[in-house]
Amino acid sequence: MTELSLAAFEAQWRPRLNTYLAENLRAVSDRDSLTAAIRYSVLAGGKRLRPLLSLAVLTAFDRPITSANLRASVALELMHTYSLIHDDLPAMDNDGLRRGKPTSHVKFGEDIAILAGDALQPLAFQWLADSGLPAEQVAKLTLALAQAAGPQGMVAGQVADVQGAGMHLTLPKLQQLHREKTGALIHYAVLAGAIQADVTADVQTALLAFGDAFGLAFQIYDDILDVTSTPAQLGKQTHKDAGEHKNTYPGLLGLEGAEVALNQALATAKTAIDRAERLSQRDLSLLTSFLTYFTN
C-alpha cells in the first residue's frame, strides 16, 4: 500500500463521498419537503470521518473499494446525520446552528426535522441491504449498526446525556455515556471496515481497541473545543455545555485535565494500532495518521 496521510486520504475520498450522497439523495422521496430536509442536513458539510474510517481500514488491508463498499460506508453517514438532526431538536439539545447553518428544525420546522431523521435511519439499513455486498457481510453489518445505534448504543448514551444534565457524573459514568453516545458509531465504522476486509479475529480486536480509543479522544476533543473555540470556528454554538450543566471532560477534570485525558486516549489508540500491525504484519500508518485529526 502506498503510504497516505489523513489529509491525502480525505482529499481523495471526501469528494467522492459527497458526490455519492448528492447523487443518490436526489429522488430519495416523492415528498419534496422531506427530500429537501434530508438533503439539507446530509449535504450541509461535515468531516465524513466515520465513512472515511471504514474506507481507511479497507485501504490499509489492500482491499479495492468497490461501489458496494462505498454504499455501505455512506450508509453510516445517513445514520450519523439522523442522530444530529434529532440531537439538535428543542426537546434535546435545542441547538440552532449545525455545520455553520441553521439546524433542520429551524429551517424546516420541528415536524419535518423529526420525520427527516426518522427517514434517514431506515434508509441507512436500506443502503446496507441493497449495497451488493455478500449476504454474510450484509447480515453482520446490519446487526452491528443496529447495536451501535440502538438502545445499548447511541440512543442509550443520549438518554444518559439528557438525564445526567445537572447531575455530577463520575469519570467512569461519563466515559460510559460517551462510549455509547459518540463512540458507538465510531466503533462501528472501524468494525464495518474490518468485516468487509475480512481480517482475522485477533486483528479485528486490536482495530476495535483503536476505534474505541479514537472515539473517546473525539469526544474529549469536542468538549475541549466547546470551551476554547467560537461558533464561527466550530460551525455550531459553543459554551452551551457548561450553561446547561452538561457533563463534560473539562467540566469534570478541568481544561488541563481534559487535555491529559485526550493524550492518554491517543496513546491507547497508537498502542492498539501497533498491536494490529504486529498481528497482521501490515503497514497501518494510514490508520495511525487519523490521530493527526486531534493535532492539525
C-alpha atoms as a PDB file:
ATOM      1  CA  MET A   1       0.000   0.000   0.000  1.00  0.00           C
ATOM      2  CA  THR A   2       1.273   3.473  -0.879  1.00  0.00           C
ATOM      3  CA  GLU A   3       1.643   5.456   2.323  1.00  0.00           C
ATOM      4  CA  LEU A   4      -1.108   8.044   2.696  1.00  0.00           C
ATOM      5  CA  SER A   5      -1.642  10.787   5.231  1.00  0.00           C
ATOM      6  CA  LEU A   6      -5.058  11.620   6.635  1.00  0.00           C
ATOM      7  CA  ALA A   7      -5.083  14.841   4.585  1.00  0.00           C
ATOM      8  CA  ALA A   8      -4.291  12.982   1.354  1.00  0.00           C
ATOM      9  CA  PHE A   9      -6.869  10.297   2.088  1.00  0.00           C
ATOM     10  CA  GLU A  10      -9.518  12.918   2.836  1.00  0.00           C
ATOM     11  CA  ALA A  11      -8.675  14.773  -0.370  1.00  0.00           C
ATOM     12  CA  GLN A  12      -9.049  11.520  -2.297  1.00  0.00           C
ATOM     13  CA  TRP A  13     -12.259  10.210  -0.762  1.00  0.00           C
ATOM     14  CA  ARG A  14     -14.298  13.002   0.833  1.00  0.00           C
ATOM     15  CA  PRO A  15     -15.296  14.499  -2.558  1.00  0.00           C
ATOM     16  CA  ARG A  16     -16.351  11.031  -3.744  1.00  0.00           C
ATOM     17  CA  LEU A  17     -18.428  10.501  -0.618  1.00  0.00           C
ATOM     18  CA  ASN A  18     -20.081  13.896  -1.036  1.00  0.00           C
ATOM     19  CA  THR A  19     -20.778  13.282  -4.723  1.00  0.00           C
ATOM     20  CA  TYR A  20     -22.256   9.862  -3.999  1.00  0.00           C
ATOM     21  CA  LEU A  21     -24.550  11.297  -1.342  1.00  0.00           C
ATOM     22  CA  ALA A  22     -25.636  14.205  -3.524  1.00  0.00           C
ATOM     23  CA  GLU A  23     -26.437  11.976  -6.491  1.00  0.00           C
ATOM     24  CA  ASN A  24     -28.195   9.243  -4.541  1.00  0.00           C
ATOM     25  CA  LEU A  25     -30.375  11.561  -2.463  1.00  0.00           C
ATOM     26  CA  ARG A  26     -31.806  13.465  -5.432  1.00  0.00           C
ATOM     27  CA  ALA A  27     -35.027  11.443  -5.554  1.00  0.00           C
ATOM     28  CA  VAL A  28     -34.959   9.905  -2.112  1.00  0.00           C
ATOM     29  CA  SER A  29     -38.679  10.601  -1.522  1.00  0.00           C
ATOM     30  CA  ASP A  30     -41.743  11.615  -3.516  1.00  0.00           C
ATOM     31  CA  ARG A  31     -42.377  14.280  -0.851  1.00  0.00           C
ATOM     32  CA  ASP A  32     -40.448  17.371  -1.872  1.00  0.00           C
ATOM     33  CA  SER A  33     -40.285  18.794   1.640  1.00  0.00           C
ATOM     34  CA  LEU A  34     -38.863  15.568   3.020  1.00  0.00           C
ATOM     35  CA  THR A  35     -36.301  15.247   0.236  1.00  0.00           C
ATOM     36  CA  ALA A  36     -35.250  18.864   0.783  1.00  0.00           C
ATOM     37  CA  ALA A  37     -34.833  18.380   4.535  1.00  0.00           C
ATOM     38  CA  ILE A  38     -32.832  15.175   4.102  1.00  0.00           C
ATOM     39  CA  ARG A  39     -30.532  16.718   1.504  1.00  0.00           C
ATOM     40  CA  TYR A  40     -30.119  19.893   3.554  1.00  0.00           C
ATOM     41  CA  SER A  41     -28.731  18.078   6.590  1.00  0.00           C
ATOM     42  CA  VAL A  42     -26.745  15.329   4.853  1.00  0.00           C
ATOM     43  CA  LEU A  43     -25.131  17.695   2.339  1.00  0.00           C
ATOM     44  CA  ALA A  44     -24.518  20.562   4.770  1.00  0.00           C
ATOM     45  CA  GLY A  45     -20.874  19.586   5.061  1.00  0.00           C
ATOM     46  CA  GLY A  46     -19.183  17.598   7.773  1.00  0.00           C
ATOM     47  CA  LYS A  47     -15.937  15.726   8.037  1.00  0.00           C
ATOM     48  CA  ARG A  48     -17.299  12.356   6.815  1.00  0.00           C
ATOM     49  CA  LEU A  49     -14.939  10.900   9.402  1.00  0.00           C
ATOM     50  CA  ARG A  50     -16.941   7.739  10.034  1.00  0.00           C
ATOM     51  CA  PRO A  51     -17.187   6.515   6.419  1.00  0.00           C
ATOM     52  CA  LEU A  52     -13.564   7.573   5.925  1.00  0.00           C
ATOM     53  CA  LEU A  53     -12.552   5.289   8.797  1.00  0.00           C
ATOM     54  CA  SER A  54     -14.327   2.341   7.171  1.00  0.00           C
ATOM     55  CA  LEU A  55     -12.671   3.024   3.825  1.00  0.00           C
ATOM     56  CA  ALA A  56      -9.283   3.516   5.504  1.00  0.00           C
ATOM     57  CA  VAL A  57      -9.442   0.030   7.031  1.00  0.00           C
ATOM     58  CA  LEU A  58     -10.166  -1.423   3.600  1.00  0.00           C
ATOM     59  CA  THR A  59      -7.310   0.572   2.068  1.00  0.00           C
ATOM     60  CA  ALA A  60      -4.893  -0.389   4.835  1.00  0.00           C
ATOM     61  CA  PHE A  61      -5.572  -4.052   4.074  1.00  0.00           C
ATOM     62  CA  ASP A  62      -5.186  -3.550   0.314  1.00  0.00           C
ATOM     63  CA  ARG A  63      -8.841  -4.210  -0.472  1.00  0.00           C
ATOM     64  CA  PRO A  64     -10.097  -2.431  -3.604  1.00  0.00           C
ATOM     65  CA  ILE A  65     -13.012  -0.145  -2.747  1.00  0.00           C
ATOM     66  CA  THR A  66     -15.990  -1.207  -4.842  1.00  0.00           C
ATOM     67  CA  SER A  67     -19.316   0.548  -5.363  1.00  0.00           C
ATOM     68  CA  ALA A  68     -20.744  -1.846  -2.761  1.00  0.00           C
ATOM     69  CA  ASN A  69     -18.125  -0.797  -0.195  1.00  0.00           C
ATOM     70  CA  LEU A  70     -18.806   2.852  -0.957  1.00  0.00           C
ATOM     71  CA  ARG A  71     -22.565   2.444  -0.473  1.00  0.00           C
ATOM     72  CA  ALA A  72     -22.048   0.645   2.825  1.00  0.00           C
ATOM     73  CA  SER A  73     -19.746   3.401   4.061  1.00  0.00           C
ATOM     74  CA  VAL A  74     -22.150   6.253   3.245  1.00  0.00           C
ATOM     75  CA  ALA A  75     -24.991   4.344   4.895  1.00  0.00           C
ATOM     76  CA  LEU A  76     -23.210   5.137   8.150  1.00  0.00           C
ATOM     77  CA  GLU A  77     -23.249   8.849   7.308  1.00  0.00           C
ATOM     78  CA  LEU A  78     -27.040   8.654   6.948  1.00  0.00           C
ATOM     79  CA  MET A  79     -27.309   7.167  10.430  1.00  0.00           C
ATOM     80  CA  HIS A  80     -24.956   9.793  11.840  1.00  0.00           C
ATOM     81  CA  THR A  81     -26.944  12.626  10.237  1.00  0.00           C
ATOM     82  CA  TYR A  82     -30.202  11.281  11.652  1.00  0.00           C
ATOM     83  CA  SER A  83     -28.645  11.413  15.109  1.00  0.00           C
ATOM     84  CA  LEU A  84     -27.531  15.023  14.606  1.00  0.00           C
ATOM     85  CA  ILE A  85     -30.979  16.171  13.432  1.00  0.00           C
ATOM     86  CA  HIS A  86     -32.652  14.641  16.470  1.00  0.00           C
ATOM     87  CA  ASP A  87     -29.879  15.738  18.844  1.00  0.00           C
ATOM     88  CA  ASP A  88     -30.454  19.363  17.799  1.00  0.00           C
ATOM     89  CA  LEU A  89     -34.219  19.302  18.443  1.00  0.00           C
ATOM     90  CA  PRO A  90     -35.746  21.629  21.074  1.00  0.00           C
ATOM     91  CA  ALA A  91     -36.597  18.638  23.280  1.00  0.00           C
ATOM     92  CA  MET A  92     -32.954  17.523  23.211  1.00  0.00           C
ATOM     93  CA  ASP A  93     -30.036  19.978  22.941  1.00  0.00           C
ATOM     94  CA  ASN A  94     -32.104  22.766  21.342  1.00  0.00           C
ATOM     95  CA  ASP A  95     -29.330  23.877  19.005  1.00  0.00           C
ATOM     96  CA  GLY A  96     -29.923  26.484  16.338  1.00  0.00           C
ATOM     97  CA  LEU A  97     -26.660  26.061  14.433  1.00  0.00           C
ATOM     98  CA  ARG A  98     -25.041  22.977  12.876  1.00  0.00           C
ATOM     99  CA  ARG A  99     -22.096  22.976  10.428  1.00  0.00           C
ATOM    100  CA  GLY A 100     -22.385  26.739  10.194  1.00  0.00           C
ATOM    101  CA  LYS A 101     -26.033  26.661   9.068  1.00  0.00           C
ATOM    102  CA  PRO A 102     -29.432  26.792  10.810  1.00  0.00           C
ATOM    103  CA  THR A 103     -30.362  23.376  12.149  1.00  0.00           C
ATOM    104  CA  SER A 104     -33.027  21.297  10.439  1.00  0.00           C
ATOM    105  CA  HIS A 105     -35.870  22.214  12.796  1.00  0.00           C
ATOM    106  CA  VAL A 106     -35.038  25.915  12.443  1.00  0.00           C
ATOM    107  CA  LYS A 107     -35.023  25.633   8.640  1.00  0.00           C
ATOM    108  CA  PHE A 108     -37.940  23.257   8.058  1.00  0.00           C
ATOM    109  CA  GLY A 109     -39.903  23.154  11.302  1.00  0.00           C
ATOM    110  CA  GLU A 110     -39.756  20.620  14.090  1.00  0.00           C
ATOM    111  CA  ASP A 111     -42.211  18.220  12.463  1.00  0.00           C
ATOM    112  CA  ILE A 112     -40.316  17.840   9.169  1.00  0.00           C
ATOM    113  CA  ALA A 113     -36.982  17.678  11.006  1.00  0.00           C
ATOM    114  CA  ILE A 114     -38.205  14.756  13.104  1.00  0.00           C
ATOM    115  CA  LEU A 115     -39.501  12.993  10.016  1.00  0.00           C
ATOM    116  CA  ALA A 116     -36.261  13.597   8.104  1.00  0.00           C
ATOM    117  CA  GLY A 117     -34.387  11.899  10.931  1.00  0.00           C
ATOM    118  CA  ASP A 118     -36.973   9.125  11.004  1.00  0.00           C
ATOM    119  CA  ALA A 119     -36.434   8.582   7.272  1.00  0.00           C
ATOM    120  CA  LEU A 120     -32.633   8.581   7.392  1.00  0.00           C
ATOM    121  CA  GLN A 121     -32.416   5.800   9.970  1.00  0.00           C
ATOM    122  CA  PRO A 122     -34.183   3.089   7.902  1.00  0.00           C
ATOM    123  CA  LEU A 123     -32.571   4.445   4.734  1.00  0.00           C
ATOM    124  CA  ALA A 124     -29.182   3.585   6.251  1.00  0.00           C
ATOM    125  CA  PHE A 125     -30.263  -0.038   6.595  1.00  0.00           C
ATOM    126  CA  GLN A 126     -31.765   0.003   3.102  1.00  0.00           C
ATOM    127  CA  TRP A 127     -28.429   1.086   1.628  1.00  0.00           C
ATOM    128  CA  LEU A 128     -26.656  -1.699   3.510  1.00  0.00           C
ATOM    129  CA  ALA A 129     -29.187  -4.272   2.344  1.00  0.00           C
ATOM    130  CA  ASP A 130     -29.050  -3.286  -1.338  1.00  0.00           C
ATOM    131  CA  SER A 131     -25.326  -2.480  -1.405  1.00  0.00           C
ATOM    132  CA  GLY A 132     -24.403  -5.635  -3.289  1.00  0.00           C
ATOM    133  CA  LEU A 133     -22.023  -6.866  -0.597  1.00  0.00           C
ATOM    134  CA  PRO A 134     -22.018 -10.603   0.150  1.00  0.00           C
ATOM    135  CA  ALA A 135     -25.065 -11.662   2.158  1.00  0.00           C
ATOM    136  CA  GLU A 136     -22.973 -12.722   5.160  1.00  0.00           C
ATOM    137  CA  GLN A 137     -21.313  -9.321   5.317  1.00  0.00           C
ATOM    138  CA  VAL A 138     -24.653  -7.532   4.986  1.00  0.00           C
ATOM    139  CA  ALA A 139     -26.043  -9.557   7.898  1.00  0.00           C
ATOM    140  CA  LYS A 140     -23.046  -8.770  10.104  1.00  0.00           C
ATOM    141  CA  LEU A 141     -23.083  -5.082   9.209  1.00  0.00           C
ATOM    142  CA  THR A 142     -26.837  -4.760   9.768  1.00  0.00           C
ATOM    143  CA  LEU A 143     -26.621  -6.361  13.205  1.00  0.00           C
ATOM    144  CA  ALA A 144     -23.601  -4.286  14.192  1.00  0.00           C
ATOM    145  CA  LEU A 145     -25.142  -0.988  13.064  1.00  0.00           C
ATOM    146  CA  ALA A 146     -28.414  -1.742  14.861  1.00  0.00           C
ATOM    147  CA  GLN A 147     -26.465  -2.464  18.044  1.00  0.00           C
ATOM    148  CA  ALA A 148     -24.340   0.674  17.688  1.00  0.00           C
ATOM    149  CA  ALA A 149     -27.306   2.982  17.057  1.00  0.00           C
ATOM    150  CA  GLY A 150     -29.875   1.369  19.323  1.00  0.00           C
ATOM    151  CA  PRO A 151     -30.882   1.085  22.976  1.00  0.00           C
ATOM    152  CA  GLN A 152     -27.490  -0.227  24.124  1.00  0.00           C
ATOM    153  CA  GLY A 153     -25.522   2.184  21.948  1.00  0.00           C
ATOM    154  CA  MET A 154     -26.040   5.718  20.708  1.00  0.00           C
ATOM    155  CA  VAL A 155     -29.618   6.103  21.993  1.00  0.00           C
ATOM    156  CA  ALA A 156     -28.620   4.845  25.444  1.00  0.00           C
ATOM    157  CA  GLY A 157     -25.866   7.456  25.518  1.00  0.00           C
ATOM    158  CA  GLN A 158     -28.291  10.183  24.520  1.00  0.00           C
ATOM    159  CA  VAL A 159     -30.635   9.161  27.336  1.00  0.00           C
ATOM    160  CA  ALA A 160     -27.742   9.301  29.818  1.00  0.00           C
ATOM    161  CA  ASP A 161     -26.751  12.714  28.495  1.00  0.00           C
ATOM    162  CA  VAL A 162     -30.257  14.153  28.783  1.00  0.00           C
ATOM    163  CA  GLN A 163     -30.976  12.670  32.199  1.00  0.00           C
ATOM    164  CA  GLY A 164     -27.493  13.454  33.509  1.00  0.00           C
ATOM    165  CA  ALA A 165     -27.761  17.202  32.916  1.00  0.00           C
ATOM    166  CA  GLY A 166     -27.450  18.955  36.260  1.00  0.00           C
ATOM    167  CA  MET A 167     -26.054  15.820  37.912  1.00  0.00           C
ATOM    168  CA  HIS A 168     -22.386  15.213  38.708  1.00  0.00           C
ATOM    169  CA  LEU A 169     -21.312  12.038  36.928  1.00  0.00           C
ATOM    170  CA  THR A 170     -18.192  10.178  37.952  1.00  0.00           C
ATOM    171  CA  LEU A 171     -15.456   9.722  35.361  1.00  0.00           C
ATOM    172  CA  PRO A 172     -16.391   6.056  34.682  1.00  0.00           C
ATOM    173  CA  LYS A 173     -20.044   7.071  34.147  1.00  0.00           C
ATOM    174  CA  LEU A 174     -19.010   9.902  31.836  1.00  0.00           C
ATOM    175  CA  GLN A 175     -16.793   7.537  29.850  1.00  0.00           C
ATOM    176  CA  GLN A 176     -19.665   5.052  29.530  1.00  0.00           C
ATOM    177  CA  LEU A 177     -22.013   7.812  28.364  1.00  0.00           C
ATOM    178  CA  HIS A 178     -19.644   8.801  25.589  1.00  0.00           C
ATOM    179  CA  ARG A 179     -18.758   5.229  24.623  1.00  0.00           C
ATOM    180  CA  GLU A 180     -22.444   4.930  23.805  1.00  0.00           C
ATOM    181  CA  LYS A 181     -23.408   8.372  22.505  1.00  0.00           C
ATOM    182  CA  THR A 182     -20.324   9.175  20.427  1.00  0.00           C
ATOM    183  CA  GLY A 183     -18.098   6.130  20.468  1.00  0.00           C
ATOM    184  CA  ALA A 184     -20.605   3.533  19.296  1.00  0.00           C
ATOM    185  CA  LEU A 185     -20.814   4.741  15.683  1.00  0.00           C
ATOM    186  CA  ILE A 186     -17.036   5.221  15.515  1.00  0.00           C
ATOM    187  CA  HIS A 187     -16.593   1.674  16.852  1.00  0.00           C
ATOM    188  CA  TYR A 188     -18.980   0.530  14.129  1.00  0.00           C
ATOM    189  CA  ALA A 189     -17.073   2.457  11.446  1.00  0.00           C
ATOM    190  CA  VAL A 190     -13.899   0.510  12.226  1.00  0.00           C
ATOM    191  CA  LEU A 191     -15.805  -2.765  12.625  1.00  0.00           C
ATOM    192  CA  ALA A 192     -17.527  -2.270   9.257  1.00  0.00           C
ATOM    193  CA  GLY A 193     -14.153  -1.875   7.567  1.00  0.00           C
ATOM    194  CA  ALA A 194     -12.790  -4.943   9.350  1.00  0.00           C
ATOM    195  CA  ILE A 195     -15.812  -7.039   8.344  1.00  0.00           C
ATOM    196  CA  GLN A 196     -15.513  -6.027   4.697  1.00  0.00           C
ATOM    197  CA  ALA A 197     -11.726  -6.521   4.725  1.00  0.00           C
ATOM    198  CA  ASP A 198     -12.245  -9.986   6.274  1.00  0.00           C
ATOM    199  CA  VAL A 199      -9.465  -9.547   8.831  1.00  0.00           C
ATOM    200  CA  THR A 200      -8.727 -12.220  11.404  1.00  0.00           C
ATOM    201  CA  ALA A 201     -10.398 -12.111  14.820  1.00  0.00           C
ATOM    202  CA  ASP A 202      -7.269 -11.043  16.709  1.00  0.00           C
ATOM    203  CA  VAL A 203      -6.555  -8.208  14.282  1.00  0.00           C
ATOM    204  CA  GLN A 204     -10.195  -7.111  14.466  1.00  0.00           C
ATOM    205  CA  THR A 205      -9.964  -6.952  18.257  1.00  0.00           C
ATOM    206  CA  ALA A 206      -6.903  -4.703  18.031  1.00  0.00           C
ATOM    207  CA  LEU A 207      -8.557  -2.489  15.425  1.00  0.00           C
ATOM    208  CA  LEU A 208     -11.643  -2.100  17.602  1.00  0.00           C
ATOM    209  CA  ALA A 209      -9.458  -1.099  20.568  1.00  0.00           C
ATOM    210  CA  PHE A 210      -8.085   1.613  18.277  1.00  0.00           C
ATOM    211  CA  GLY A 211     -11.618   2.641  17.292  1.00  0.00           C
ATOM    212  CA  ASP A 212     -12.785   2.835  20.893  1.00  0.00           C
ATOM    213  CA  ALA A 213      -9.799   4.960  21.931  1.00  0.00           C
ATOM    214  CA  PHE A 214     -10.301   7.163  18.868  1.00  0.00           C
ATOM    215  CA  GLY A 215     -13.972   7.622  19.784  1.00  0.00           C
ATOM    216  CA  LEU A 216     -13.048   8.631  23.336  1.00  0.00           C
ATOM    217  CA  ALA A 217     -10.436  11.081  22.039  1.00  0.00           C
ATOM    218  CA  PHE A 218     -13.012  12.506  19.618  1.00  0.00           C
ATOM    219  CA  GLN A 219     -15.444  13.305  22.430  1.00  0.00           C
ATOM    220  CA  ILE A 220     -12.815  14.767  24.743  1.00  0.00           C
ATOM    221  CA  TYR A 221     -11.524  16.923  21.891  1.00  0.00           C
ATOM    222  CA  ASP A 222     -15.063  18.086  21.086  1.00  0.00           C
ATOM    223  CA  ASP A 223     -15.600  19.003  24.747  1.00  0.00           C
ATOM    224  CA  ILE A 224     -12.344  20.977  24.766  1.00  0.00           C
ATOM    225  CA  LEU A 225     -13.282  22.836  21.579  1.00  0.00           C
ATOM    226  CA  ASP A 226     -16.662  23.768  23.090  1.00  0.00           C
ATOM    227  CA  VAL A 227     -14.705  25.654  25.762  1.00  0.00           C
ATOM    228  CA  THR A 228     -11.882  27.086  23.652  1.00  0.00           C
ATOM    229  CA  SER A 229     -13.485  27.850  20.261  1.00  0.00           C
ATOM    230  CA  THR A 230     -16.001  30.268  18.779  1.00  0.00           C
ATOM    231  CA  PRO A 231     -19.192  29.396  16.861  1.00  0.00           C
ATOM    232  CA  ALA A 232     -17.530  30.665  13.674  1.00  0.00           C
ATOM    233  CA  GLN A 233     -14.657  28.229  14.158  1.00  0.00           C
ATOM    234  CA  LEU A 234     -16.820  25.220  15.024  1.00  0.00           C
ATOM    235  CA  GLY A 235     -19.907  25.892  12.922  1.00  0.00           C
ATOM    236  CA  LYS A 236     -22.131  25.346  15.944  1.00  0.00           C
ATOM    237  CA  GLN A 237     -22.931  27.042  19.226  1.00  0.00           C
ATOM    238  CA  THR A 238     -20.195  26.905  21.848  1.00  0.00           C
ATOM    239  CA  HIS A 239     -20.124  27.149  25.661  1.00  0.00           C
ATOM    240  CA  LYS A 240     -23.568  25.523  25.766  1.00  0.00           C
ATOM    241  CA  ASP A 241     -22.482  22.501  27.784  1.00  0.00           C
ATOM    242  CA  ALA A 242     -21.482  24.496  30.844  1.00  0.00           C
ATOM    243  CA  GLY A 243     -24.571  26.717  30.597  1.00  0.00           C
ATOM    244  CA  GLU A 244     -26.829  23.670  30.508  1.00  0.00           C
ATOM    245  CA  HIS A 245     -24.850  21.860  33.219  1.00  0.00           C
ATOM    246  CA  LYS A 246     -23.923  19.017  30.886  1.00  0.00           C
ATOM    247  CA  ASN A 247     -21.285  16.520  31.954  1.00  0.00           C
ATOM    248  CA  THR A 248     -18.055  17.126  30.042  1.00  0.00           C
ATOM    249  CA  TYR A 249     -14.388  16.291  30.448  1.00  0.00           C
ATOM    250  CA  PRO A 250     -13.312  19.908  31.053  1.00  0.00           C
ATOM    251  CA  GLY A 251     -16.193  20.277  33.495  1.00  0.00           C
ATOM    252  CA  LEU A 252     -15.120  17.198  35.440  1.00  0.00           C
ATOM    253  CA  LEU A 253     -11.333  17.338  35.051  1.00  0.00           C
ATOM    254  CA  GLY A 254     -10.672  20.966  34.193  1.00  0.00           C
ATOM    255  CA  LEU A 255      -9.245  22.025  30.844  1.00  0.00           C
ATOM    256  CA  GLU A 256      -5.738  20.841  31.657  1.00  0.00           C
ATOM    257  CA  GLY A 257      -7.034  17.520  32.968  1.00  0.00           C
ATOM    258  CA  ALA A 258      -9.119  17.063  29.826  1.00  0.00           C
ATOM    259  CA  GLU A 259      -6.023  17.611  27.684  1.00  0.00           C
ATOM    260  CA  VAL A 260      -4.191  14.951  29.706  1.00  0.00           C
ATOM    261  CA  ALA A 261      -7.109  12.554  29.177  1.00  0.00           C
ATOM    262  CA  LEU A 262      -7.028  13.308  25.437  1.00  0.00           C
ATOM    263  CA  ASN A 263      -3.333  12.460  25.244  1.00  0.00           C
ATOM    264  CA  GLN A 264      -3.922   9.242  27.171  1.00  0.00           C
ATOM    265  CA  ALA A 265      -6.663   8.205  24.735  1.00  0.00           C
ATOM    266  CA  LEU A 266      -4.393   8.948  21.772  1.00  0.00           C
ATOM    267  CA  ALA A 267      -1.592   6.879  23.324  1.00  0.00           C
ATOM    268  CA  THR A 268      -4.029   3.991  23.798  1.00  0.00           C
ATOM    269  CA  ALA A 269      -5.115   4.270  20.165  1.00  0.00           C
ATOM    270  CA  LYS A 270      -1.494   4.237  18.971  1.00  0.00           C
ATOM    271  CA  THR A 271      -0.728   1.174  21.095  1.00  0.00           C
ATOM    272  CA  ALA A 272      -3.715  -0.644  19.604  1.00  0.00           C
ATOM    273  CA  ILE A 273      -2.615   0.140  16.030  1.00  0.00           C
ATOM    274  CA  ASP A 274       0.902  -1.038  16.822  1.00  0.00           C
ATOM    275  CA  ARG A 275      -0.594  -4.322  18.047  1.00  0.00           C
ATOM    276  CA  ALA A 276      -2.721  -4.644  14.913  1.00  0.00           C
ATOM    277  CA  GLU A 277       0.386  -4.063  12.790  1.00  0.00           C
ATOM    278  CA  ARG A 278       2.311  -6.799  14.594  1.00  0.00           C
ATOM    279  CA  LEU A 279      -0.561  -9.265  14.330  1.00  0.00           C
ATOM    280  CA  SER A 280      -1.323  -8.570  10.674  1.00  0.00           C
ATOM    281  CA  GLN A 281       2.240  -7.923   9.511  1.00  0.00           C
ATOM    282  CA  ARG A 282       0.922  -4.916   7.600  1.00  0.00           C
ATOM    283  CA  ASP A 283       1.725  -1.223   7.438  1.00  0.00           C
ATOM    284  CA  LEU A 284      -1.227   0.508   9.091  1.00  0.00           C
ATOM    285  CA  SER A 285       0.248   4.003   9.018  1.00  0.00           C
ATOM    286  CA  LEU A 286      -2.876   5.300   7.270  1.00  0.00           C
ATOM    287  CA  LEU A 287      -4.923   4.484  10.354  1.00  0.00           C
ATOM    288  CA  THR A 288      -2.228   5.962  12.602  1.00  0.00           C
ATOM    289  CA  SER A 289      -2.446   9.172  10.573  1.00  0.00           C
ATOM    290  CA  PHE A 290      -6.078   9.567  11.659  1.00  0.00           C
ATOM    291  CA  LEU A 291      -4.704  10.553  15.064  1.00  0.00           C
ATOM    292  CA  THR A 292      -3.416  13.775  13.495  1.00  0.00           C
ATOM    293  CA  TYR A 293      -7.062  14.870  13.408  1.00  0.00           C
ATOM    294  CA  PHE A 294      -6.529  15.984  17.005  1.00  0.00           C
ATOM    295  CA  THR A 295      -3.346  17.964  16.368  1.00  0.00           C
ATOM    296  CA  ASN A 296      -3.896  19.622  12.960  1.00  0.00           C
END
